[in-house]
Structures are given as structure tokens and as C-alpha cells.
Amino acid sequence: PNGGYFLWVELPEHVDSLELFSRALAQGISIAPGPIFSATRRFRNCIRLNYGYPWNDKMEHAMATLGKLINAF
């Protein structure tokens, strides 16, 4: 299909998605923190995951790494 897809994920309230964004980016993982989609900076504990390619080992590793980063909060 053309374009991509996205998935909203609500994380526990103590997880700061802007900080998670920085930590993930340092690992080569790009996520979209929730506050960038709100004029009032809501959704601080939400992220948007974008995807458009078939699942592969690289994505599997990225998701496992993202899970570890989230658990570190």
C-alpha cells in the first residue's frame, strides 16, 4: 500500500514521551512524542509509532530496545 500507518500508544503516566524521544533517538529509533500533536502540550505520556515496511529483525530489535527504554522510567 502507499504511505504508511501509525499506532498511538498510551504509556504509564510517569513516562515522559519527550524524554523517551531523546533516549530512543540516541539508539537510532524514531518515535513521535504526544505533545507535538497538541497545542496545549497534552498527551505527555503518549507516543505515536509510524510504520510502513514489512516486519523484520531490525524492527524487532528496535521494539525490544524501546521496551527497555520505557521500563527504565
N, C-alpha and C. Protein backbone atom coordinates (compact mmCIF):
# COMPACT_ATOMS: atom_id res chain seq x y z
N PRO A 1 0.82 -1.20 0.00
CA PRO A 1 0.00 0.00 0.00
C PRO A 1 0.86 1.26 0.00
N ASN A 2 0.31 2.33 -0.49
CA ASN A 2 1.02 3.61 -0.48
C ASN A 2 0.96 4.23 0.91
N GLY A 3 1.99 5.01 1.23
CA GLY A 3 2.00 5.68 2.52
C GLY A 3 2.35 4.73 3.64
N GLY A 4 2.02 5.12 4.83
CA GLY A 4 2.33 4.29 5.98
C GLY A 4 1.17 4.25 6.95
N TYR A 5 1.43 3.66 8.07
CA TYR A 5 0.43 3.51 9.11
C TYR A 5 1.01 4.05 10.39
N PHE A 6 0.15 4.26 11.38
CA PHE A 6 0.66 4.68 12.67
C PHE A 6 -0.17 4.05 13.77
N LEU A 7 0.41 4.01 14.94
CA LEU A 7 -0.21 3.41 16.11
C LEU A 7 0.03 4.33 17.29
N TRP A 8 -1.02 4.73 17.99
CA TRP A 8 -0.89 5.50 19.21
C TRP A 8 -0.71 4.55 20.38
N VAL A 9 0.23 4.89 21.26
CA VAL A 9 0.49 4.08 22.45
C VAL A 9 0.42 4.99 23.67
N GLU A 10 -0.45 4.64 24.61
CA GLU A 10 -0.50 5.38 25.87
C GLU A 10 0.35 4.64 26.89
N LEU A 11 1.34 5.34 27.41
CA LEU A 11 2.29 4.77 28.37
C LEU A 11 1.86 5.13 29.79
N PRO A 12 2.44 4.50 30.81
CA PRO A 12 2.12 4.90 32.18
C PRO A 12 2.36 6.41 32.37
N GLU A 13 1.59 7.02 33.26
CA GLU A 13 1.63 8.46 33.42
C GLU A 13 3.00 9.02 33.76
N HIS A 14 3.85 8.24 34.41
CA HIS A 14 5.16 8.75 34.82
C HIS A 14 6.17 8.78 33.66
N VAL A 15 5.83 8.22 32.52
CA VAL A 15 6.74 8.20 31.38
C VAL A 15 6.60 9.51 30.59
N ASP A 16 7.69 10.23 30.47
CA ASP A 16 7.73 11.48 29.72
C ASP A 16 8.13 11.16 28.28
N SER A 17 7.18 11.29 27.36
CA SER A 17 7.45 10.90 25.97
C SER A 17 8.49 11.79 25.29
N LEU A 18 8.66 13.02 25.75
CA LEU A 18 9.71 13.88 25.18
C LEU A 18 11.09 13.37 25.58
N GLU A 19 11.22 12.94 26.83
CA GLU A 19 12.49 12.34 27.28
C GLU A 19 12.71 11.00 26.59
N LEU A 20 11.64 10.21 26.45
CA LEU A 20 11.75 8.93 25.74
C LEU A 20 12.19 9.16 24.31
N PHE A 21 11.65 10.19 23.66
CA PHE A 21 12.05 10.53 22.30
C PHE A 21 13.57 10.73 22.22
N SER A 22 14.13 11.49 23.15
CA SER A 22 15.58 11.74 23.15
C SER A 22 16.37 10.46 23.36
N ARG A 23 15.94 9.66 24.30
CA ARG A 23 16.65 8.40 24.59
C ARG A 23 16.56 7.43 23.40
N ALA A 24 15.39 7.36 22.78
CA ALA A 24 15.21 6.47 21.64
C ALA A 24 16.04 6.94 20.45
N LEU A 25 16.03 8.23 20.21
CA LEU A 25 16.78 8.78 19.08
C LEU A 25 18.27 8.49 19.23
N ALA A 26 18.76 8.52 20.46
CA ALA A 26 20.18 8.20 20.72
C ALA A 26 20.49 6.75 20.34
N GLN A 27 19.45 5.90 20.29
CA GLN A 27 19.61 4.50 19.91
C GLN A 27 19.26 4.27 18.44
N GLY A 28 18.98 5.35 17.71
CA GLY A 28 18.63 5.23 16.30
C GLY A 28 17.18 4.88 16.05
N ILE A 29 16.33 5.12 17.06
CA ILE A 29 14.91 4.80 16.96
C ILE A 29 14.13 6.10 16.95
N SER A 30 13.27 6.27 15.97
CA SER A 30 12.47 7.49 15.87
C SER A 30 11.03 7.21 16.27
N ILE A 31 10.56 7.97 17.25
CA ILE A 31 9.16 7.92 17.67
C ILE A 31 8.63 9.35 17.64
N ALA A 32 7.33 9.50 17.72
CA ALA A 32 6.72 10.83 17.77
C ALA A 32 6.11 11.01 19.15
N PRO A 33 6.66 11.94 19.96
CA PRO A 33 6.10 12.17 21.29
C PRO A 33 4.76 12.88 21.21
N GLY A 34 3.83 12.49 22.06
CA GLY A 34 2.48 13.02 22.03
C GLY A 34 2.33 14.53 22.06
N PRO A 35 3.13 15.26 22.87
CA PRO A 35 2.93 16.71 22.95
C PRO A 35 3.09 17.46 21.63
N ILE A 36 3.78 16.91 20.65
CA ILE A 36 3.93 17.63 19.39
C ILE A 36 2.63 17.66 18.59
N PHE A 37 1.64 16.88 19.03
CA PHE A 37 0.34 16.85 18.35
C PHE A 37 -0.72 17.65 19.10
N SER A 38 -0.29 18.43 20.10
CA SER A 38 -1.24 19.17 20.93
C SER A 38 -0.76 20.61 21.12
N ALA A 39 -1.64 21.55 20.86
CA ALA A 39 -1.31 22.96 21.08
C ALA A 39 -1.13 23.28 22.56
N THR A 40 -1.70 22.45 23.42
CA THR A 40 -1.60 22.68 24.87
C THR A 40 -0.64 21.69 25.55
N ARG A 41 0.18 21.02 24.75
CA ARG A 41 1.21 20.08 25.24
C ARG A 41 0.62 18.92 26.05
N ARG A 42 -0.57 18.49 25.65
CA ARG A 42 -1.18 17.32 26.28
C ARG A 42 -0.51 16.05 25.75
N PHE A 43 -0.95 14.93 26.24
CA PHE A 43 -0.50 13.60 25.79
C PHE A 43 0.98 13.35 26.09
N ARG A 44 1.46 13.89 27.21
CA ARG A 44 2.88 13.78 27.57
C ARG A 44 3.31 12.31 27.74
N ASN A 45 2.38 11.44 28.07
CA ASN A 45 2.73 10.03 28.26
C ASN A 45 2.29 9.16 27.07
N CYS A 46 2.13 9.79 25.90
CA CYS A 46 1.72 9.06 24.70
C CYS A 46 2.77 9.19 23.61
N ILE A 47 2.88 8.16 22.79
CA ILE A 47 3.77 8.21 21.63
C ILE A 47 3.02 7.70 20.41
N ARG A 48 3.49 8.11 19.26
CA ARG A 48 2.94 7.59 18.01
C ARG A 48 4.06 6.85 17.29
N LEU A 49 3.80 5.62 16.93
CA LEU A 49 4.75 4.80 16.18
C LEU A 49 4.28 4.78 14.73
N ASN A 50 5.17 5.12 13.82
CA ASN A 50 4.87 5.10 12.39
C ASN A 50 5.52 3.88 11.76
N TYR A 51 4.82 3.27 10.82
CA TYR A 51 5.40 2.11 10.14
C TYR A 51 4.82 2.00 8.74
N GLY A 52 5.55 1.37 7.88
CA GLY A 52 5.10 1.20 6.51
C GLY A 52 5.83 0.09 5.77
N TYR A 53 6.78 -0.52 6.45
CA TYR A 53 7.55 -1.60 5.85
C TYR A 53 7.19 -2.93 6.51
N PRO A 54 7.40 -4.03 5.81
CA PRO A 54 7.15 -5.34 6.42
C PRO A 54 8.03 -5.53 7.66
N TRP A 55 7.51 -6.24 8.65
CA TRP A 55 8.23 -6.52 9.89
C TRP A 55 9.51 -7.28 9.57
N ASN A 56 10.61 -6.90 10.25
CA ASN A 56 11.88 -7.61 10.05
C ASN A 56 12.66 -7.63 11.36
N ASP A 57 13.83 -8.25 11.35
CA ASP A 57 14.64 -8.38 12.56
C ASP A 57 15.08 -7.03 13.12
N LYS A 58 15.36 -6.08 12.25
CA LYS A 58 15.77 -4.75 12.70
C LYS A 58 14.65 -4.08 13.50
N MET A 59 13.42 -4.19 13.01
CA MET A 59 12.29 -3.62 13.74
C MET A 59 12.04 -4.36 15.05
N GLU A 60 12.21 -5.65 15.02
CA GLU A 60 12.06 -6.46 16.24
C GLU A 60 13.04 -5.97 17.31
N HIS A 61 14.28 -5.76 16.91
CA HIS A 61 15.31 -5.27 17.84
C HIS A 61 14.96 -3.87 18.34
N ALA A 62 14.50 -3.00 17.44
CA ALA A 62 14.14 -1.63 17.82
C ALA A 62 13.00 -1.63 18.84
N MET A 63 12.00 -2.48 18.65
CA MET A 63 10.89 -2.54 19.59
C MET A 63 11.33 -3.08 20.95
N ALA A 64 12.22 -4.05 20.93
CA ALA A 64 12.75 -4.58 22.20
C ALA A 64 13.54 -3.49 22.93
N THR A 65 14.34 -2.73 22.19
CA THR A 65 15.10 -1.64 22.78
C THR A 65 14.17 -0.57 23.32
N LEU A 66 13.12 -0.23 22.58
CA LEU A 66 12.16 0.76 23.02
C LEU A 66 11.48 0.29 24.33
N GLY A 67 11.15 -0.97 24.40
CA GLY A 67 10.57 -1.52 25.63
C GLY A 67 11.50 -1.36 26.80
N LYS A 68 12.77 -1.61 26.60
CA LYS A 68 13.76 -1.45 27.69
C LYS A 68 13.87 0.01 28.11
N LEU A 69 13.84 0.91 27.13
CA LEU A 69 13.90 2.33 27.47
C LEU A 69 12.69 2.77 28.28
N ILE A 70 11.53 2.27 27.92
CA ILE A 70 10.30 2.62 28.64
C ILE A 70 10.37 2.06 30.06
N ASN A 71 10.83 0.83 30.21
CA ASN A 71 10.92 0.21 31.53
C ASN A 71 11.92 0.91 32.44
N ALA A 72 12.85 1.67 31.87
CA ALA A 72 13.85 2.37 32.66
C ALA A 72 13.28 3.61 33.36
N PHE A 73 12.06 4.03 33.03
CA PHE A 73 11.47 5.21 33.66
C PHE A 73 10.99 4.91 35.07
